[in-house]
PDB file of N, CA and C in Angstrom:
ATOM      1  N   LEU A   1       0.761  -1.267   0.050  1.00  0.00           N
ATOM      2  CA  LEU A   1       0.060  -0.084   0.018  1.00  0.00           C
ATOM      3  C   LEU A   1       1.030   1.388   0.040  1.00  0.00           C
ATOM      4  N   ALA A   2       1.898   1.352   0.640  1.00  0.00           N
ATOM      5  CA  ALA A   2       2.625   2.393   0.918  1.00  0.00           C
ATOM      6  C   ALA A   2       3.341   2.650  -0.512  1.00  0.00           C
ATOM      7  N   THR A   3       3.821   1.767  -1.132  1.00  0.00           N
ATOM      8  CA  THR A   3       4.380   1.852  -2.763  1.00  0.00           C
ATOM      9  C   THR A   3       3.400   2.578  -3.569  1.00  0.00           C
ATOM     10  N   HIS A   4       2.131   1.917  -3.423  1.00  0.00           N
ATOM     11  CA  HIS A   4       1.035   2.700  -4.293  1.00  0.00           C
ATOM     12  C   HIS A   4       0.736   3.991  -3.954  1.00  0.00           C
ATOM     13  N   ALA A   5       0.822   4.387  -2.621  1.00  0.00           N
ATOM     14  CA  ALA A   5       0.587   5.644  -2.024  1.00  0.00           C
ATOM     15  C   ALA A   5       1.648   6.683  -2.591  1.00  0.00           C
ATOM     16  N   ARG A   6       2.801   6.300  -2.472  1.00  0.00           N
ATOM     17  CA  ARG A   6       4.081   7.012  -3.085  1.00  0.00           C
ATOM     18  C   ARG A   6       3.807   7.224  -4.486  1.00  0.00           C
ATOM     19  N   SER A   7       3.335   6.172  -5.375  1.00  0.00           N
ATOM     20  CA  SER A   7       3.368   6.556  -6.812  1.00  0.00           C
ATOM     21  C   SER A   7       2.369   7.452  -7.138  1.00  0.00           C
ATOM     22  N   ILE A   8       1.349   7.359  -6.439  1.00  0.00           N
ATOM     23  CA  ILE A   8       0.282   8.320  -6.575  1.00  0.00           C
ATOM     24  C   ILE A   8       0.626   9.752  -6.289  1.00  0.00           C
ATOM     25  N   TRP A   9       1.209   9.831  -4.883  1.00  0.00           N
ATOM     26  CA  TRP A   9       1.776  10.993  -4.496  1.00  0.00           C
ATOM     27  C   TRP A   9       2.669  11.797  -5.893  1.00  0.00           C
ATOM     28  N   ASN A  10       3.851  10.855  -6.146  1.00  0.00           N
ATOM     29  CA  ASN A  10       4.825  11.340  -7.138  1.00  0.00           C
ATOM     30  C   ASN A  10       4.024  11.686  -8.390  1.00  0.00           C
ATOM     31  N   SER A  11       3.149  11.194  -8.780  1.00  0.00           N
ATOM     32  CA  SER A  11       2.334  11.656  -9.946  1.00  0.00           C
ATOM     33  C   SER A  11       1.613  12.758  -9.689  1.00  0.00           C
ATOM     34  N   LEU A  12       1.106  13.160  -8.732  1.00  0.00           N
ATOM     35  CA  LEU A  12       0.545  14.425  -8.291  1.00  0.00           C
ATOM     36  C   LEU A  12       1.534  15.579  -7.865  1.00  0.00           C
ATOM     37  N   ARG A  13       2.439  15.303  -7.199  1.00  0.00           N
ATOM     38  CA  ARG A  13       3.541  16.037  -6.833  1.00  0.00           C
ATOM     39  C   ARG A  13       4.882  15.735  -7.215  1.00  0.00           C
ATOM     40  N   PRO A  14       5.366  15.729  -8.518  1.00  0.00           N
ATOM     41  CA  PRO A  14       6.614  15.320  -8.976  1.00  0.00           C
ATOM     42  C   PRO A  14       7.756  15.940  -8.458  1.00  0.00           C
ATOM     43  N   ASN A  15       9.051  15.470  -8.314  1.00  0.00           N
ATOM     44  CA  ASN A  15      10.259  16.100  -7.872  1.00  0.00           C
ATOM     45  C   ASN A  15      10.113  16.482  -6.605  1.00  0.00           C
ATOM     46  N   ASP A  16       9.677  15.420  -5.801  1.00  0.00           N
ATOM     47  CA  ASP A  16       9.468  15.439  -4.183  1.00  0.00           C
ATOM     48  C   ASP A  16       8.997  16.842  -3.845  1.00  0.00           C
ATOM     49  N   ASP A  17       8.083  17.571  -4.404  1.00  0.00           N
ATOM     50  CA  ASP A  17       7.371  18.721  -4.024  1.00  0.00           C
ATOM     51  C   ASP A  17       6.656  18.392  -2.690  1.00  0.00           C
ATOM     52  N   PRO A  18       7.021  19.047  -1.599  1.00  0.00           N
ATOM     53  CA  PRO A  18       6.379  18.730  -0.213  1.00  0.00           C
ATOM     54  C   PRO A  18       5.050  19.491   0.124  1.00  0.00           C
ATOM     55  N   ARG A  19       4.577  20.198  -0.972  1.00  0.00           N
ATOM     56  CA  ARG A  19       3.130  21.078  -0.494  1.00  0.00           C
ATOM     57  C   ARG A  19       2.196  20.129  -0.527  1.00  0.00           C
ATOM     58  N   PRO A  20       0.909  20.340   0.235  1.00  0.00           N
ATOM     59  CA  PRO A  20       0.080  19.393   0.457  1.00  0.00           C
ATOM     60  C   PRO A  20      -0.838  19.638  -0.732  1.00  0.00           C
ATOM     61  N   LEU A  21      -1.588  18.386  -1.140  1.00  0.00           N
ATOM     62  CA  LEU A  21      -2.556  18.698  -2.162  1.00  0.00           C
ATOM     63  C   LEU A  21      -3.739  19.173  -1.841  1.00  0.00           C
ATOM     64  N   GLU A  22      -4.179  19.935  -2.733  1.00  0.00           N
ATOM     65  CA  GLU A  22      -5.448  20.716  -2.559  1.00  0.00           C
ATOM     66  C   GLU A  22      -6.828  19.918  -3.167  1.00  0.00           C
ATOM     67  N   PHE A  23      -7.691  20.049  -2.769  1.00  0.00           N
ATOM     68  CA  PHE A  23      -9.138  19.513  -3.280  1.00  0.00           C
ATOM     69  C   PHE A  23      -9.261  19.789  -4.702  1.00  0.00           C
ATOM     70  N   PHE A  24      -9.122  21.064  -5.191  1.00  0.00           N
ATOM     71  CA  PHE A  24      -9.182  21.455  -6.479  1.00  0.00           C
ATOM     72  C   PHE A  24      -8.412  20.720  -7.576  1.00  0.00           C
ATOM     73  N   GLU A  25      -7.323  20.182  -7.148  1.00  0.00           N
ATOM     74  CA  GLU A  25      -6.502  19.272  -7.808  1.00  0.00           C
ATOM     75  C   GLU A  25      -6.712  17.805  -8.130  1.00  0.00           C
ATOM     76  N   LEU A  26      -7.658  17.407  -7.254  1.00  0.00           N
ATOM     77  CA  LEU A  26      -8.269  16.019  -7.300  1.00  0.00           C
ATOM     78  C   LEU A  26      -9.573  16.076  -7.988  1.00  0.00           C
ATOM     79  N   GLY A  27     -10.335  17.126  -7.813  1.00  0.00           N
ATOM     80  CA  GLY A  27     -11.651  17.017  -8.128  1.00  0.00           C
ATOM     81  C   GLY A  27     -12.333  17.981  -8.828  1.00  0.00           C
ATOM     82  N   GLY A  28     -11.590  18.564  -9.742  1.00  0.00           N
ATOM     83  CA  GLY A  28     -12.208  19.710 -10.655  1.00  0.00           C
ATOM     84  C   GLY A  28     -13.508  20.083 -10.767  1.00  0.00           C
ATOM     85  N   ASP A  29     -14.440  19.465 -11.256  1.00  0.00           N
ATOM     86  CA  ASP A  29     -15.780  19.891 -11.454  1.00  0.00           C
ATOM     87  C   ASP A  29     -16.446  19.823  -9.988  1.00  0.00           C
ATOM     88  N   GLU A  30     -15.966  18.651  -9.270  1.00  0.00           N
ATOM     89  CA  GLU A  30     -16.644  18.472  -8.025  1.00  0.00           C
ATOM     90  C   GLU A  30     -16.257  19.717  -7.137  1.00  0.00           C
ATOM     91  N   THR A  31     -15.024  20.303  -7.307  1.00  0.00           N
ATOM     92  CA  THR A  31     -14.700  21.297  -6.460  1.00  0.00           C
ATOM     93  C   THR A  31     -15.139  22.623  -6.740  1.00  0.00           C
ATOM     94  N   GLU A  32     -15.509  22.981  -7.873  1.00  0.00           N
ATOM     95  CA  GLU A  32     -16.380  24.186  -8.307  1.00  0.00           C
ATOM     96  C   GLU A  32     -17.835  23.906  -7.841  1.00  0.00           C
ATOM     97  N   ASN A  33     -18.427  22.951  -7.745  1.00  0.00           N
ATOM     98  CA  ASN A  33     -19.628  22.701  -7.474  1.00  0.00           C
ATOM     99  C   ASN A  33     -19.840  22.832  -5.931  1.00  0.00           C
ATOM    100  N   LEU A  34     -18.757  22.243  -5.207  1.00  0.00           N
ATOM    101  CA  LEU A  34     -18.825  22.418  -3.736  1.00  0.00           C
ATOM    102  C   LEU A  34     -18.581  23.892  -3.415  1.00  0.00           C
ATOM    103  N   ASP A  35     -17.618  24.691  -4.009  1.00  0.00           N
ATOM    104  CA  ASP A  35     -17.044  25.767  -3.744  1.00  0.00           C
ATOM    105  C   ASP A  35     -18.526  26.963  -3.899  1.00  0.00           C
ATOM    106  N   THR A  36     -19.216  26.719  -5.095  1.00  0.00           N
ATOM    107  CA  THR A  36     -20.421  27.280  -5.259  1.00  0.00           C
ATOM    108  C   THR A  36     -21.380  27.186  -4.194  1.00  0.00           C
ATOM    109  N   PHE A  37     -21.582  25.991  -3.557  1.00  0.00           N
ATOM    110  CA  PHE A  37     -22.589  25.708  -2.546  1.00  0.00           C
ATOM    111  C   PHE A  37     -22.074  26.375  -1.327  1.00  0.00           C
ATOM    112  N   ALA A  38     -20.774  26.116  -0.934  1.00  0.00           N
ATOM    113  CA  ALA A  38     -20.421  26.874   0.152  1.00  0.00           C
ATOM    114  C   ALA A  38     -20.761  28.237   0.083  1.00  0.00           C
ATOM    115  N   GLY A  39     -20.284  29.027  -1.164  1.00  0.00           N
ATOM    116  CA  GLY A  39     -20.403  30.323  -1.142  1.00  0.00           C
ATOM    117  C   GLY A  39     -21.825  30.846  -0.958  1.00  0.00           C
ATOM    118  N   LEU A  40     -22.758  30.059  -1.398  1.00  0.00           N
ATOM    119  CA  LEU A  40     -24.157  30.270  -1.170  1.00  0.00           C
ATOM    120  C   LEU A  40     -24.573  30.111   0.353  1.00  0.00           C
ATOM    121  N   LEU A  41     -24.047  29.050   1.092  1.00  0.00           N
ATOM    122  CA  LEU A  41     -24.345  28.748   2.277  1.00  0.00           C
ATOM    123  C   LEU A  41     -23.758  30.090   3.152  1.00  0.00           C
ATOM    124  N   TRP A  42     -22.767  30.534   2.711  1.00  0.00           N
ATOM    125  CA  TRP A  42     -22.352  31.674   3.548  1.00  0.00           C
ATOM    126  C   TRP A  42     -23.115  33.005   3.390  1.00  0.00           C
ATOM    127  N   LEU A  43     -23.636  33.266   2.078  1.00  0.00           N
ATOM    128  CA  LEU A  43     -24.390  34.305   1.855  1.00  0.00           C
ATOM    129  C   LEU A  43     -25.958  34.085   2.202  1.00  0.00           C
ATOM    130  N   SER A  44     -26.425  32.795   2.458  1.00  0.00           N
ATOM    131  CA  SER A  44     -27.634  32.659   2.871  1.00  0.00           C
ATOM    132  C   SER A  44     -27.881  32.517   4.375  1.00  0.00           C
ATOM    133  N   THR A  45     -26.941  31.625   4.902  1.00  0.00           N
ATOM    134  CA  THR A  45     -27.054  31.212   6.224  1.00  0.00           C
ATOM    135  C   THR A  45     -25.930  31.943   7.254  1.00  0.00           C
ATOM    136  N   GLY A  46     -25.068  32.318   6.449  1.00  0.00           N
ATOM    137  CA  GLY A  46     -23.760  32.733   7.360  1.00  0.00           C
ATOM    138  C   GLY A  46     -23.116  31.639   7.603  1.00  0.00           C
ATOM    139  N   PHE A  47     -22.987  30.576   6.790  1.00  0.00           N
ATOM    140  CA  PHE A  47     -22.509  29.107   7.015  1.00  0.00           C
ATOM    141  C   PHE A  47     -22.815  28.337   8.266  1.00  0.00           C
ATOM    142  N   ASP A  48     -23.946  28.960   8.787  1.00  0.00           N
ATOM    143  CA  ASP A  48     -24.682  28.249  10.089  1.00  0.00           C
ATOM    144  C   ASP A  48     -25.139  26.884   9.565  1.00  0.00           C
ATOM    145  N   MET A  49     -24.387  25.828  10.056  1.00  0.00           N
ATOM    146  CA  MET A  49     -25.171  24.515   9.564  1.00  0.00           C
ATOM    147  C   MET A  49     -26.263  24.223  10.319  1.00  0.00           C
ATOM    148  N   ALA A  50     -26.473  24.493  11.425  1.00  0.00           N
ATOM    149  CA  ALA A  50     -27.696  24.479  12.140  1.00  0.00           C
ATOM    150  C   ALA A  50     -28.937  24.922  11.234  1.00  0.00           C
ATOM    151  N   LYS A  51     -28.721  26.092  11.129  1.00  0.00           N
ATOM    152  CA  LYS A  51     -29.618  27.153  10.289  1.00  0.00           C
ATOM    153  C   LYS A  51     -29.972  26.293   8.837  1.00  0.00           C
ATOM    154  N   THR A  52     -28.819  25.973   8.271  1.00  0.00           N
ATOM    155  CA  THR A  52     -29.105  25.153   6.832  1.00  0.00           C
ATOM    156  C   THR A  52     -30.014  23.923   7.099  1.00  0.00           C
ATOM    157  N   TRP A  53     -29.441  23.160   8.105  1.00  0.00           N
ATOM    158  CA  TRP A  53     -30.325  22.001   8.169  1.00  0.00           C
ATOM    159  C   TRP A  53     -31.707  22.285   8.420  1.00  0.00           C
ATOM    160  N   GLU A  54     -32.092  23.158   9.182  1.00  0.00           N
ATOM    161  CA  GLU A  54     -33.492  23.732   9.539  1.00  0.00           C
ATOM    162  C   GLU A  54     -34.138  23.960   8.163  1.00  0.00           C
ATOM    163  N   LEU A  55     -33.507  24.868   7.467  1.00  0.00           N
ATOM    164  CA  LEU A  55     -34.147  24.943   6.155  1.00  0.00           C
ATOM    165  C   LEU A  55     -34.263  23.967   5.416  1.00  0.00           C
ATOM    166  N   MET A  56     -33.460  22.957   5.416  1.00  0.00           N
ATOM    167  CA  MET A  56     -33.667  21.767   4.406  1.00  0.00           C
ATOM    168  C   MET A  56     -34.332  20.582   4.921  1.00  0.00           C
ATOM    169  N   ASP A  57     -34.517  20.405   6.211  1.00  0.00           N
ATOM    170  CA  ASP A  57     -35.319  19.155   6.810  1.00  0.00           C
ATOM    171  C   ASP A  57     -36.500  19.987   7.521  1.00  0.00           C
ATOM    172  N   THR A  58     -37.301  20.207   6.364  1.00  0.00           N
ATOM    173  CA  THR A  58     -38.669  20.809   6.836  1.00  0.00           C
ATOM    174  C   THR A  58     -39.608  20.000   7.336  1.00  0.00           C
ATOM    175  N   SER A  59     -39.340  18.661   7.121  1.00  0.00           N
ATOM    176  CA  SER A  59     -40.372  17.649   7.892  1.00  0.00           C
ATOM    177  C   SER A  59     -39.978  17.192   9.312  1.00  0.00           C
ATOM    178  N   HIS A  60     -38.791  17.744   9.474  1.00  0.00           N
ATOM    179  CA  HIS A  60     -38.113  17.322  10.659  1.00  0.00           C
ATOM    180  C   HIS A  60     -37.923  15.768  11.249  1.00  0.00           C
ATOM    181  N   GLN A  61     -37.601  15.252  10.189  1.00  0.00           N
ATOM    182  CA  GLN A  61     -37.236  13.511  10.194  1.00  0.00           C
ATOM    183  C   GLN A  61     -35.861  13.341  10.606  1.00  0.00           C
ATOM    184  N   TYR A  62     -34.895  14.415  10.680  1.00  0.00           N
ATOM    185  CA  TYR A  62     -33.471  14.282  11.202  1.00  0.00           C
ATOM    186  C   TYR A  62     -32.662  13.533  10.104  1.00  0.00           C
ATOM    187  N   TRP A  63     -33.265  13.207   8.899  1.00  0.00           N
ATOM    188  CA  TRP A  63     -32.420  12.859   7.703  1.00  0.00           C
ATOM    189  C   TRP A  63     -33.122  13.342   6.677  1.00  0.00           C
ATOM    190  N   LEU A  64     -32.043  13.275   5.315  1.00  0.00           N
ATOM    191  CA  LEU A  64     -32.524  13.733   3.934  1.00  0.00           C
ATOM    192  C   LEU A  64     -32.244  12.720   2.973  1.00  0.00           C
ATOM    193  N   SER A  65     -33.597  12.228   2.264  1.00  0.00           N
ATOM    194  CA  SER A  65     -33.279  11.329   0.980  1.00  0.00           C
ATOM    195  C   SER A  65     -32.618  12.523  -0.067  1.00  0.00           C
ATOM    196  N   ILE A  66     -32.212  11.784  -0.943  1.00  0.00           N
ATOM    197  CA  ILE A  66     -31.775  12.657  -2.220  1.00  0.00           C
ATOM    198  C   ILE A  66     -32.881  13.630  -2.703  1.00  0.00           C
ATOM    199  N   ASP A  67     -34.067  13.262  -2.617  1.00  0.00           N
ATOM    200  CA  ASP A  67     -35.208  14.070  -3.150  1.00  0.00           C
ATOM    201  C   ASP A  67     -35.250  15.341  -2.222  1.00  0.00           C
ATOM    202  N   ASP A  68     -35.254  15.074  -0.888  1.00  0.00           N
ATOM    203  CA  ASP A  68     -35.310  16.084   0.179  1.00  0.00           C
ATOM    204  C   ASP A  68     -34.224  17.050   0.001  1.00  0.00           C
ATOM    205  N   PHE A  69     -33.128  16.382  -0.169  1.00  0.00           N
ATOM    206  CA  PHE A  69     -31.732  17.284  -0.386  1.00  0.00           C
ATOM    207  C   PHE A  69     -32.056  18.168  -1.714  1.00  0.00           C
ATOM    208  N   ARG A  70     -32.283  17.499  -2.795  1.00  0.00           N
ATOM    209  CA  ARG A  70     -32.566  18.457  -4.053  1.00  0.00           C
ATOM    210  C   ARG A  70     -33.434  19.498  -3.896  1.00  0.00           C
ATOM    211  N   ARG A  71     -34.419  19.185  -3.205  1.00  0.00           N
ATOM    212  CA  ARG A  71     -35.618  20.500  -2.844  1.00  0.00           C
ATOM    213  C   ARG A  71     -34.761  21.416  -2.026  1.00  0.00           C
ATOM    214  N   GLY A  72     -34.267  20.873  -0.855  1.00  0.00           N
ATOM    215  CA  GLY A  72     -33.666  21.990  -0.049  1.00  0.00           C
ATOM    216  C   GLY A  72     -32.558  22.791  -0.468  1.00  0.00           C
ATOM    217  N   VAL A  73     -31.854  22.294  -1.382  1.00  0.00           N
ATOM    218  CA  VAL A  73     -30.654  23.227  -1.925  1.00  0.00           C
ATOM    219  C   VAL A  73     -31.297  24.263  -3.073  1.00  0.00           C
ATOM    220  N   ARG A  74     -32.255  23.444  -3.838  1.00  0.00           N
ATOM    221  CA  ARG A  74     -32.967  24.475  -4.573  1.00  0.00           C
ATOM    222  C   ARG A  74     -33.644  25.701  -4.033  1.00  0.00           C
ATOM    223  N   ASN A  75     -34.257  25.179  -2.842  1.00  0.00           N
ATOM    224  CA  ASN A  75     -34.923  26.293  -1.839  1.00  0.00           C
ATOM    225  C   ASN A  75     -34.012  27.440  -1.417  1.00  0.00           C
ATOM    226  N   LEU A  76     -32.744  26.910  -1.208  1.00  0.00           N
ATOM    227  CA  LEU A  76     -31.531  27.854  -1.003  1.00  0.00           C
ATOM    228  C   LEU A  76     -31.041  28.574  -2.222  1.00  0.00           C
ATOM    229  N   GLY A  77     -31.504  28.299  -3.376  1.00  0.00           N
ATOM    230  CA  GLY A  77     -31.011  29.026  -4.452  1.00  0.00           C
ATOM    231  C   GLY A  77     -29.992  28.196  -5.240  1.00  0.00           C
ATOM    232  N   PHE A  78     -29.536  27.150  -4.725  1.00  0.00           N
ATOM    233  CA  PHE A  78     -28.300  26.409  -5.477  1.00  0.00           C
ATOM    234  C   PHE A  78     -28.833  25.983  -6.860  1.00  0.00           C
ATOM    235  N   GLU A  79     -28.060  26.306  -7.866  1.00  0.00           N
ATOM    236  CA  GLU A  79     -28.298  25.955  -9.456  1.00  0.00           C
ATOM    237  C   GLU A  79     -27.324  24.781  -9.788  1.00  0.00           C
ATOM    238  N   GLY A  80     -26.446  24.149  -8.848  1.00  0.00           N
ATOM    239  CA  GLY A  80     -25.339  23.554  -9.241  1.00  0.00           C
ATOM    240  C   GLY A  80     -25.773  21.905  -9.356  1.00  0.00           C
ATOM    241  N   ASP A  81     -25.114  20.962  -9.240  1.00  0.00           N
ATOM    242  CA  ASP A  81     -25.398  19.612  -9.241  1.00  0.00           C
ATOM    243  C   ASP A  81     -25.417  19.189  -7.967  1.00  0.00           C
ATOM    244  N   ALA A  82     -26.808  19.062  -7.507  1.00  0.00           N
ATOM    245  CA  ALA A  82     -27.396  18.596  -6.134  1.00  0.00           C
ATOM    246  C   ALA A  82     -27.001  17.125  -5.904  1.00  0.00           C
ATOM    247  N   ASP A  83     -27.044  16.338  -7.017  1.00  0.00           N
ATOM    248  CA  ASP A  83     -26.816  15.066  -6.803  1.00  0.00           C
ATOM    249  C   ASP A  83     -25.109  14.767  -6.495  1.00  0.00           C
ATOM    250  N   LEU A  84     -24.404  15.524  -7.235  1.00  0.00           N
ATOM    251  CA  LEU A  84     -22.983  15.169  -6.780  1.00  0.00           C
ATOM    252  C   LEU A  84     -22.655  15.623  -5.153  1.00  0.00           C
ATOM    253  N   LEU A  85     -23.243  16.692  -4.986  1.00  0.00           N
ATOM    254  CA  LEU A  85     -22.896  17.057  -3.446  1.00  0.00           C
ATOM    255  C   LEU A  85     -23.557  16.087  -2.430  1.00  0.00           C
ATOM    256  N   PHE A  86     -24.721  15.480  -2.802  1.00  0.00           N
ATOM    257  CA  PHE A  86     -25.410  14.426  -2.016  1.00  0.00           C
ATOM    258  C   PHE A  86     -24.477  13.245  -2.140  1.00  0.00           C
ATOM    259  N   LEU A  87     -24.131  12.777  -3.033  1.00  0.00           N
ATOM    260  CA  LEU A  87     -23.252  11.472  -3.117  1.00  0.00           C
ATOM    261  C   LEU A  87     -22.003  11.761  -2.229  1.00  0.00           C
ATOM    262  N   GLY A  88     -21.312  13.112  -2.419  1.00  0.00           N
ATOM    263  CA  GLY A  88     -20.202  13.184  -1.633  1.00  0.00           C
ATOM    264  C   GLY A  88     -20.450  13.343   0.021  1.00  0.00           C
ATOM    265  N   LEU A  89     -21.705  13.524   0.389  1.00  0.00           N
ATOM    266  CA  LEU A  89     -22.143  13.728   1.914  1.00  0.00           C
ATOM    267  C   LEU A  89     -22.541  12.079   2.205  1.00  0.00           C
ATOM    268  N   ASP A  90     -22.960  11.357   1.426  1.00  0.00           N
ATOM    269  CA  ASP A  90     -23.578  10.146   1.557  1.00  0.00           C
ATOM    270  C   ASP A  90     -22.706   9.042   1.824  1.00  0.00           C
ATOM    271  N   SER A  91     -21.510   9.073   2.679  1.00  0.00           N
ATOM    272  CA  SER A  91     -20.444   8.510   2.806  1.00  0.00           C
ATOM    273  C   SER A  91     -20.588   6.972   2.900  1.00  0.00           C
ATOM    274  N   GLU A  92     -21.811   6.647   3.446  1.00  0.00           N
ATOM    275  CA  GLU A  92     -22.109   5.203   3.751  1.00  0.00           C
ATOM    276  C   GLU A  92     -22.696   4.591   2.612  1.00  0.00           C
ATOM    277  N   GLY A  93     -23.062   5.435   1.688  1.00  0.00           N
ATOM    278  CA  GLY A  93     -23.812   4.872   0.641  1.00  0.00           C
ATOM    279  C   GLY A  93     -25.378   4.351   0.901  1.00  0.00           C
ATOM    280  N   LEU A  94     -26.097   5.170   1.966  1.00  0.00           N
ATOM    281  CA  LEU A  94     -27.384   4.658   2.415  1.00  0.00           C
ATOM    282  C   LEU A  94     -28.482   5.274   1.662  1.00  0.00           C
ATOM    283  N   GLY A  95     -28.299   6.235   0.917  1.00  0.00           N
ATOM    284  CA  GLY A  95     -29.260   6.944   0.162  1.00  0.00           C
ATOM    285  C   GLY A  95     -30.046   8.053   0.942  1.00  0.00           C
ATOM    286  N   ARG A  96     -29.189   8.520   2.084  1.00  0.00           N
ATOM    287  CA  ARG A  96     -29.897   9.357   2.968  1.00  0.00           C
ATOM    288  C   ARG A  96     -28.735   9.997   3.805  1.00  0.00           C
ATOM    289  N   ILE A  97     -28.846  11.326   4.213  1.00  0.00           N
ATOM    290  CA  ILE A  97     -27.753  11.835   4.922  1.00  0.00           C
ATOM    291  C   ILE A  97     -28.431  12.411   6.232  1.00  0.00           C
ATOM    292  N   THR A  98     -27.746  12.609   7.092  1.00  0.00           N
ATOM    293  CA  THR A  98     -28.039  12.944   8.532  1.00  0.00           C
ATOM    294  C   THR A  98     -27.459  14.559   8.837  1.00  0.00           C
ATOM    295  N   ARG A  99     -27.645  14.889   9.909  1.00  0.00           N
ATOM    296  CA  ARG A  99     -27.104  16.063  10.012  1.00  0.00           C
ATOM    297  C   ARG A  99     -25.530  16.289  10.403  1.00  0.00           C
ATOM    298  N   SER A 100     -25.275  15.057  10.956  1.00  0.00           N
ATOM    299  CA  SER A 100     -23.707  14.697  11.351  1.00  0.00           C
ATOM    300  C   SER A 100     -23.163  14.364  10.061  1.00  0.00           C
ATOM    301  N   ASP A 101     -23.489  14.045   9.015  1.00  0.00           N
ATOM    302  CA  ASP A 101     -22.839  14.006   7.773  1.00  0.00           C
ATOM    303  C   ASP A 101     -22.245  15.154   7.172  1.00  0.00           C
TER     304      ASP A 101
END
């Protein structure tokens, strides 16, 4: 595993460049989508995650399906790829996210 990790690192940071990797270097479109969403959250809720969750979880079920999430981010004014955001948050692949995700 260490050999594979070093090979990957060297392909992304040739010549023993010690700088840490930035997310945008790995995720192009996903990074732009996430940055857009983060900017929207900053403008609409001051990046207050509790307030954001309240605005999105309108049925107070303490979790969101992908349809709930799509509806919630659209209500916040997000016009990007809601599915891509959801898939990134649904790390366990359950098809729903909770506030702790």
